[in-house]
Amino acid sequence: MFKKAKTETYSVREFLAGKHKTEVLPKKNFAFIPGVDITAQTFLPVGTSPADTLVLLVCGAGAFFIGVTLLEKMLIRNGNTVLAESIASTINFLAPVGIYIS
């Protein structure tokens, strides 16, 4: 059922020469345009400047509230007023709490 891992043995000479280490391949990033790498640092400029982090936080909060508002409007149009009202009351409670904490 479970295969037992083989124990690899190296001589002292091979160990000191570094032949026991596995080869680490460089991480390749997906590029839309040749020469332009898209990484997490491209979208999350954390650590570069406090202003960049603040802009990212404000834009993220704005996108969240716009999304919740659109969700509520969609629910009201479909007749789910109880669910829309519960989402609205939850957001109306959590938004000031979140602003106070931050």
Protein backbone atom coordinates (compact mmCIF):
# COMPACT_ATOMS: atom_id res chain seq x y z
CA MET A 1 0.00 0.00 0.00
CA PHE A 2 2.65 2.51 1.02
CA LYS A 3 6.00 2.34 -0.67
CA LYS A 4 8.97 2.68 1.57
CA ALA A 5 11.28 5.49 0.50
CA LYS A 6 14.67 4.32 -0.64
CA THR A 7 17.59 5.40 1.47
CA GLU A 8 20.21 7.08 -0.61
CA THR A 9 23.81 6.71 0.42
CA TYR A 10 26.65 8.96 -0.62
CA SER A 11 30.33 8.70 -0.04
CA VAL A 12 32.02 11.44 1.93
CA ARG A 13 33.69 12.69 -1.24
CA GLU A 14 30.33 13.00 -3.07
CA PHE A 15 28.75 14.69 -0.06
CA LEU A 16 31.51 17.28 0.24
CA ALA A 17 31.40 17.88 -3.51
CA GLY A 18 27.71 18.78 -3.20
CA LYS A 19 26.38 16.01 -5.43
CA HIS A 20 23.71 15.14 -2.86
CA LYS A 21 21.79 18.35 -3.45
CA THR A 22 18.85 18.31 -5.79
CA GLU A 23 18.91 20.75 -8.64
CA VAL A 24 16.64 23.75 -8.05
CA LEU A 25 15.10 25.03 -11.24
CA PRO A 26 14.56 28.79 -11.51
CA LYS A 27 10.96 29.89 -11.10
CA LYS A 28 9.49 31.00 -14.40
CA ASN A 29 6.87 33.73 -14.45
CA PHE A 30 4.07 33.94 -16.96
CA ALA A 31 4.60 36.87 -19.31
CA PHE A 32 1.87 38.41 -21.43
CA ILE A 33 4.44 40.55 -23.19
CA PRO A 34 7.97 39.21 -23.70
CA GLY A 35 10.26 40.82 -21.15
CA VAL A 36 7.48 41.74 -18.72
CA ASP A 37 7.12 39.47 -15.71
CA ILE A 38 3.84 39.26 -13.84
CA THR A 39 4.41 38.39 -10.19
CA ALA A 40 2.67 39.00 -6.89
CA GLN A 41 4.93 42.02 -6.31
CA THR A 42 3.47 43.61 -9.44
CA PHE A 43 0.01 43.75 -7.88
CA LEU A 44 0.94 43.96 -4.19
CA PRO A 45 3.46 46.75 -3.72
CA VAL A 46 3.83 46.01 -0.01
CA GLY A 47 7.17 47.14 1.34
CA THR A 48 7.90 49.64 -1.38
CA SER A 49 6.16 52.67 0.07
CA PRO A 50 3.55 53.28 2.78
CA ALA A 51 1.56 55.33 0.27
CA ASP A 52 1.35 52.36 -2.11
CA THR A 53 0.06 50.14 0.66
CA LEU A 54 -2.53 52.75 1.66
CA VAL A 55 -3.74 53.13 -1.92
CA LEU A 56 -4.03 49.35 -2.24
CA LEU A 57 -6.03 49.16 1.01
CA VAL A 58 -8.40 51.98 0.06
CA CYS A 59 -8.98 50.62 -3.45
CA GLY A 60 -9.62 47.13 -2.06
CA ALA A 61 -12.15 48.43 0.48
CA GLY A 62 -13.86 50.50 -2.22
CA ALA A 63 -14.10 47.52 -4.55
CA PHE A 64 -15.54 45.42 -1.71
CA PHE A 65 -18.26 47.97 -0.92
CA ILE A 66 -19.15 48.44 -4.59
CA GLY A 67 -19.44 44.66 -4.97
CA VAL A 68 -21.66 44.34 -1.89
CA THR A 69 -23.88 47.16 -3.14
CA LEU A 70 -24.28 45.53 -6.54
CA LEU A 71 -25.05 42.19 -4.85
CA GLU A 72 -27.76 43.83 -2.73
CA LYS A 73 -29.34 45.50 -5.76
CA MET A 74 -29.32 42.20 -7.67
CA LEU A 75 -30.96 40.41 -4.74
CA ILE A 76 -33.67 43.08 -4.47
CA ARG A 77 -34.43 42.86 -8.20
CA ASN A 78 -34.77 39.08 -7.90
CA GLY A 79 -37.14 39.40 -4.95
CA ASN A 80 -34.81 38.28 -2.16
CA THR A 81 -35.39 41.33 0.02
CA VAL A 82 -34.85 39.47 3.29
CA LEU A 83 -31.39 38.31 2.25
CA ALA A 84 -30.50 41.77 0.90
CA GLU A 85 -31.65 43.37 4.15
CA SER A 86 -29.59 40.94 6.25
CA ILE A 87 -26.49 41.67 4.15
CA ALA A 88 -27.09 45.41 4.48
CA SER A 89 -27.53 45.23 8.25
CA THR A 90 -24.40 43.10 8.62
CA ILE A 91 -22.34 45.51 6.53
CA ASN A 92 -23.78 48.50 8.41
CA PHE A 93 -22.59 46.91 11.65
CA LEU A 94 -19.20 45.60 10.48
CA ALA A 95 -18.04 48.65 8.48
CA PRO A 96 -17.76 51.01 11.48
CA VAL A 97 -16.18 48.23 13.55
CA GLY A 98 -13.61 47.59 10.84
CA ILE A 99 -12.86 51.31 10.48
CA TYR A 100 -12.45 51.62 14.26
CA ILE A 101 -10.08 48.64 14.40
CA SER A 102 -7.90 49.89 11.57
